[in-house]
Protein backbone atom coordinates (compact mmCIF):
# COMPACT_ATOMS: atom_id res chain seq x y z
CA MET A 1 -18.98 2.81 2.52
CA ALA A 2 -17.83 2.89 -1.10
CA ASP A 3 -17.19 6.62 -0.83
CA ALA A 4 -14.69 5.98 1.99
CA TRP A 5 -12.04 4.43 -0.28
CA ILE A 6 -8.89 6.57 -0.40
CA LEU A 7 -6.36 6.17 -3.21
CA HIS A 8 -2.72 5.71 -2.18
CA PRO A 9 -0.63 6.34 -5.31
CA ASP A 10 2.03 3.71 -6.01
CA TYR A 11 4.24 3.60 -9.09
CA ARG A 12 4.06 -0.21 -8.99
CA THR A 13 0.45 -0.09 -10.24
CA PRO A 14 0.47 -1.90 -13.60
CA PRO A 15 -0.50 0.27 -16.58
CA ALA A 16 -4.00 0.00 -17.97
CA PRO A 17 -4.42 -2.15 -21.08
CA THR A 18 -3.90 -0.39 -24.40
CA ASP A 19 -6.48 -2.49 -26.22
CA ALA A 20 -9.52 -0.24 -26.70
CA ASP A 21 -11.78 -3.30 -26.74
CA PHE A 22 -10.60 -4.51 -23.31
CA PRO A 23 -13.59 -3.97 -20.97
CA PRO A 24 -12.92 -2.28 -17.61
CA GLY A 25 -13.89 -3.99 -14.38
CA PRO A 26 -16.71 -3.09 -11.98
CA TRP A 27 -14.67 -1.11 -9.43
CA ARG A 28 -15.49 2.57 -9.98
CA HIS A 29 -15.02 5.80 -8.06
CA PRO A 30 -18.30 6.87 -6.41
CA ASP A 31 -17.85 10.41 -7.71
CA GLY A 32 -18.11 10.41 -11.48
CA GLY A 33 -17.76 6.67 -11.97
CA GLN A 34 -14.14 6.75 -13.12
CA ILE A 35 -12.37 3.40 -13.34
CA MET A 36 -10.46 2.63 -10.14
CA ASN A 37 -6.79 1.80 -10.66
CA GLY A 38 -4.28 1.54 -7.81
CA THR A 39 -4.15 0.84 -4.07
CA TYR A 40 -7.15 1.94 -2.04
CA GLU A 41 -7.73 1.92 1.70
CA ARG A 42 -10.62 2.66 4.01
CA PRO A 43 -10.83 2.73 7.81
CA LEU A 44 -12.83 0.12 9.69
CA PRO A 45 -14.04 0.02 13.30
CA LYS A 46 -11.76 -1.20 16.09
CA LEU A 47 -8.62 0.39 14.60
CA ARG A 48 -8.59 -1.78 11.51
CA THR A 49 -8.12 -1.00 7.82
CA GLU A 50 -9.31 -2.57 4.59
CA VAL A 51 -6.99 -2.55 1.57
CA VAL A 52 -7.75 -3.39 -2.05
CA THR A 53 -5.45 -3.36 -5.07
CA VAL A 54 -7.31 -2.63 -8.29
CA TRP A 55 -6.12 -2.93 -11.87
CA TYR A 56 -8.32 -1.26 -14.48
CA GLY A 57 -11.41 -1.80 -12.36
CA TYR A 58 -10.59 -5.39 -11.36
CA ALA A 59 -9.70 -6.25 -7.76
CA LEU A 60 -6.51 -8.30 -7.56
CA SER A 61 -6.30 -8.46 -3.76
CA ARG A 62 -8.48 -7.44 -0.85
CA TRP A 63 -7.67 -7.86 2.82
CA ARG A 64 -8.16 -6.39 6.27
CA GLY A 65 -5.55 -5.74 8.91
CA PRO A 66 -4.76 -3.68 12.00
CA ARG A 67 -3.74 -0.08 11.65
CA MET A 68 0.03 0.20 12.03
CA PRO A 69 0.58 3.95 11.73
CA ARG A 70 4.25 4.31 12.68
CA PHE A 71 5.97 2.20 10.05
CA SER A 72 6.39 2.99 6.37
CA SER A 73 9.01 2.17 3.75
CA PRO A 74 9.40 2.73 0.00
CA MET A 75 10.34 -0.95 -0.24
CA VAL A 76 6.99 -2.05 1.21
CA SER A 77 3.84 -2.03 -0.88
CA ALA A 78 0.48 -3.77 -1.11
CA TRP A 79 1.40 -4.44 -4.75
CA ASN A 80 4.52 -6.46 -3.91
CA PRO A 81 2.75 -9.72 -2.94
CA VAL A 82 0.19 -9.26 -5.72
CA LEU A 83 2.62 -8.81 -8.59
CA ALA A 84 5.23 -11.25 -7.27
CA GLN A 85 2.68 -14.06 -6.93
CA GLY A 86 0.28 -13.22 -9.74
CA LEU A 87 -2.70 -12.82 -7.44
CA ALA A 88 -6.33 -12.16 -8.33
CA ALA A 89 -9.17 -11.60 -5.89
CA ALA A 90 -11.44 -14.10 -7.65
CA PRO A 91 -11.01 -16.90 -10.20
CA GLY A 92 -11.35 -15.71 -13.76
CA THR A 93 -10.54 -12.09 -12.95
CA PRO A 94 -8.69 -10.37 -15.81
CA THR A 95 -5.12 -9.58 -14.80
CA PRO A 96 -2.05 -7.83 -16.20
CA TYR A 97 0.00 -11.04 -16.13
CA ARG A 98 0.61 -11.66 -19.82
CA ASP A 99 2.46 -14.99 -19.60
CA GLU A 100 3.75 -17.55 -17.10
CA LEU A 101 7.05 -15.69 -16.59
CA TRP A 102 5.48 -12.24 -16.10
CA CYS A 103 5.81 -12.38 -12.30
CA ASP A 104 9.41 -13.60 -12.46
CA ARG A 105 10.31 -10.71 -14.74
CA TRP A 106 8.53 -8.31 -12.40
CA ILE A 107 10.50 -9.60 -9.40
CA ALA A 108 13.77 -9.30 -11.31
CA GLU A 109 13.05 -5.69 -12.24
CA ALA A 110 11.74 -4.80 -8.77
CA LEU A 111 15.00 -5.99 -7.24
CA LEU A 112 17.11 -3.96 -9.65
CA TYR A 113 15.18 -0.77 -8.96
CA GLY A 114 14.94 -1.13 -5.18
CA ARG A 115 11.23 -1.88 -5.03
CA LYS A 116 11.84 -4.89 -2.77
CA PRO A 117 14.91 -6.03 -0.81
CA TYR A 118 14.85 -9.74 -1.60
CA GLY A 119 13.33 -12.15 -4.07
CA ALA A 120 13.74 -15.23 -6.22
CA PHE A 121 12.90 -15.68 -9.87
CA THR A 122 13.36 -18.11 -12.75
CA LEU A 123 14.04 -16.84 -16.26
CA PRO A 124 15.47 -18.06 -19.55
CA ALA A 125 19.26 -18.18 -19.37
CA ASP A 126 19.84 -15.20 -21.66
CA GLU A 127 17.49 -12.98 -19.64
CA ALA A 128 18.99 -14.13 -16.35
CA LEU A 129 22.50 -13.38 -17.57
CA ARG A 130 21.48 -9.88 -18.66
CA TRP A 131 19.96 -9.34 -15.22
CA CYS A 132 23.19 -10.46 -13.53
CA GLY A 133 25.11 -7.94 -15.60
CA LYS A 134 22.75 -5.11 -14.68
CA SER A 135 22.93 -5.96 -10.97
CA GLY A 136 26.63 -5.16 -10.90
CA GLY A 137 26.02 -1.49 -10.13
CA THR A 138 23.65 -2.18 -7.23
CA SER A 139 23.92 -3.43 -3.66
CA LEU A 140 22.42 -6.77 -4.69
CA ILE A 141 24.13 -10.09 -4.08
CA TYR A 142 22.77 -13.14 -5.85
CA HIS A 143 23.11 -16.87 -6.22
CA ALA A 144 22.20 -18.47 -9.54
CA ARG A 145 21.80 -22.06 -10.62
CA THR A 146 20.56 -23.74 -13.77
CA GLU A 147 17.16 -25.41 -13.54
CA ASP A 148 17.50 -27.10 -16.92
CA ASP A 149 19.15 -26.31 -20.24
CA GLU A 150 17.12 -23.14 -20.74
CA LEU A 151 16.14 -21.75 -17.32
CA VAL A 152 18.16 -20.18 -14.51
CA ARG A 153 16.98 -19.75 -10.91
CA VAL A 154 18.23 -16.60 -9.18
CA VAL A 155 17.94 -15.76 -5.49
CA ALA A 156 18.96 -12.18 -4.74
CA GLY A 157 18.97 -9.74 -1.86
CA THR A 158 20.47 -6.43 -0.89
CA SER A 159 23.66 -6.28 1.16
CA GLU A 160 22.30 -3.39 3.23
CA ARG A 161 21.47 -4.27 6.82
CA TYR A 162 17.87 -4.49 7.98
CA ALA A 163 18.50 -1.59 10.37
CA GLN A 164 19.55 0.54 7.40
CA LEU A 165 16.68 -0.53 5.20
CA PHE A 166 13.81 -0.20 7.67
CA ASP A 167 12.71 1.71 10.76
CA LEU A 168 12.62 -1.39 12.93
CA ASP A 169 11.77 0.54 16.09
CA ALA A 170 8.59 1.84 14.46
CA LEU A 171 7.71 -1.60 13.12
CA ILE A 172 8.26 -3.27 16.48
CA ALA A 173 6.08 -0.68 18.22
CA ASP A 174 3.34 -1.28 15.65
CA TYR A 175 3.47 -5.06 16.10
CA ARG A 176 3.27 -4.71 19.87
CA GLU A 177 0.19 -2.55 19.51
CA ALA A 178 -1.46 -4.63 16.79
CA LEU A 179 -1.02 -8.12 18.25
CA PRO A 180 -1.46 -9.73 21.67
CA GLU A 181 1.77 -9.96 23.62
CA GLU A 182 2.11 -13.72 23.17
CA LEU A 183 2.02 -13.26 19.39
CA ALA A 184 3.96 -10.02 19.14
CA GLU A 185 6.99 -10.83 21.28
CA PRO A 186 8.33 -13.79 19.24
CA GLU A 187 8.11 -11.63 16.11
CA VAL A 188 9.79 -8.74 17.91
CA ARG A 189 12.68 -10.98 18.95
CA ALA A 190 13.07 -12.20 15.39
CA LEU A 191 13.17 -8.66 14.03
CA GLU A 192 15.70 -7.61 16.68
CA GLU A 193 17.92 -10.55 15.71
CA HIS A 194 17.97 -9.31 12.11
CA ARG A 195 19.04 -5.72 12.83
CA SER A 196 22.72 -6.15 12.11
CA CYS A 197 22.50 -8.59 9.21
CA SER A 198 21.30 -8.16 5.64
CA PRO A 199 18.90 -10.13 3.44
CA ALA A 200 21.90 -11.13 1.31
CA LEU A 201 23.96 -12.38 4.24
CA ARG A 202 21.08 -14.21 5.90
CA TYR A 203 19.14 -15.61 2.94
CA VAL A 204 21.37 -15.62 -0.16
CA LEU A 205 24.94 -16.51 0.79
CA CYS A 206 24.11 -19.28 3.23
CA GLU A 207 23.59 -22.91 2.27
CA ASP A 208 20.00 -23.90 1.47
CA ALA A 209 19.07 -20.21 1.49
CA GLU A 210 15.54 -20.57 0.13
CA ALA A 211 14.67 -23.34 2.58
CA LEU A 212 16.06 -21.29 5.46
CA PHE A 213 14.03 -18.28 4.36
CA ALA A 214 10.86 -20.38 4.18
CA ARG A 215 11.35 -21.26 7.87
CA ALA A 216 11.89 -17.66 9.01
CA PRO A 217 9.24 -16.04 11.23
CA LEU A 218 6.36 -14.45 9.35
CA SER A 219 7.31 -10.90 10.35
CA VAL A 220 10.79 -11.38 8.91
CA ARG A 221 9.60 -13.09 5.74
CA GLY A 222 7.01 -10.43 5.05
CA LEU A 223 9.40 -7.54 5.65
CA THR A 224 12.17 -9.13 3.59
CA LEU A 225 9.80 -9.53 0.64
CA GLY A 226 8.47 -5.98 0.98
CA TYR A 227 4.98 -7.12 1.98
CA PRO A 228 2.71 -4.87 4.11
CA PRO A 229 3.14 -5.56 7.85
CA ARG A 230 -0.59 -5.01 8.37
CA GLU A 231 -1.31 -7.99 6.14
CA THR A 232 1.48 -9.97 7.79
CA ALA A 233 0.04 -9.26 11.25
CA THR A 234 -3.29 -10.66 10.08
CA ARG A 235 -1.53 -13.79 8.82
CA ILE A 236 0.30 -14.21 12.12
CA ALA A 237 -2.98 -14.11 14.04
CA ALA A 238 -4.70 -16.41 11.54
CA HIS A 239 -1.81 -18.88 11.59
CA VAL A 240 -1.99 -19.22 15.35
CA THR A 241 -5.78 -19.49 15.28
CA SER A 242 -5.75 -22.21 12.62
CA GLY A 243 -3.02 -24.06 14.48
CA ALA A 244 -5.05 -23.99 17.68
CA ALA A 245 -8.12 -25.25 15.84
CA THR A 246 -6.32 -28.36 14.65
């Protein structure tokens, strides 16, 4: 089914390496053999979809999830979890992450340019201070603390309400269709409870914000980070299954 992959253009796709000696990976288009680069999807039986993110022919993530056709958002992308966490589909895969702070810098920039509504990053103090200055003209609210003499931890989120940021009705309808009722309804209630608040109010300005966010329901955490709900739905089902197994 290699010819079934469909490219979904996304400006988050990291640029190809400029080094002419850098070898491309094995993922190629079936027609012509061009190097694959971007987010690709293909339909699967039983209303499921397979998604792969590819950088210069190397797969950085690959997962399957239910089709959730109603919901979409410019703040949600299959690249968001990949680039925020420095993922690779297999050990030893070449990646665009040039140093240990690459992902933190990516998160900081993604927040400034509205590519995700919430995130946390750690940067050298001078870089963090420059970021704080740039955020002044945005809807972002942040909390910063020093980690040591040279690093600053920043937690930031938009002050716009969830109901303004996302089509929650569409997302809720998709979750109800994608998951069994006993799994969908707790997530639906959590999403409903977040309609009138913002990521900043709920997970930046409160005490122990990062710990509180870590305890939020998966549907809320995924949406707040700009992660694909189809992948989140798969994690919800897997989490319950693994819990039942133990």
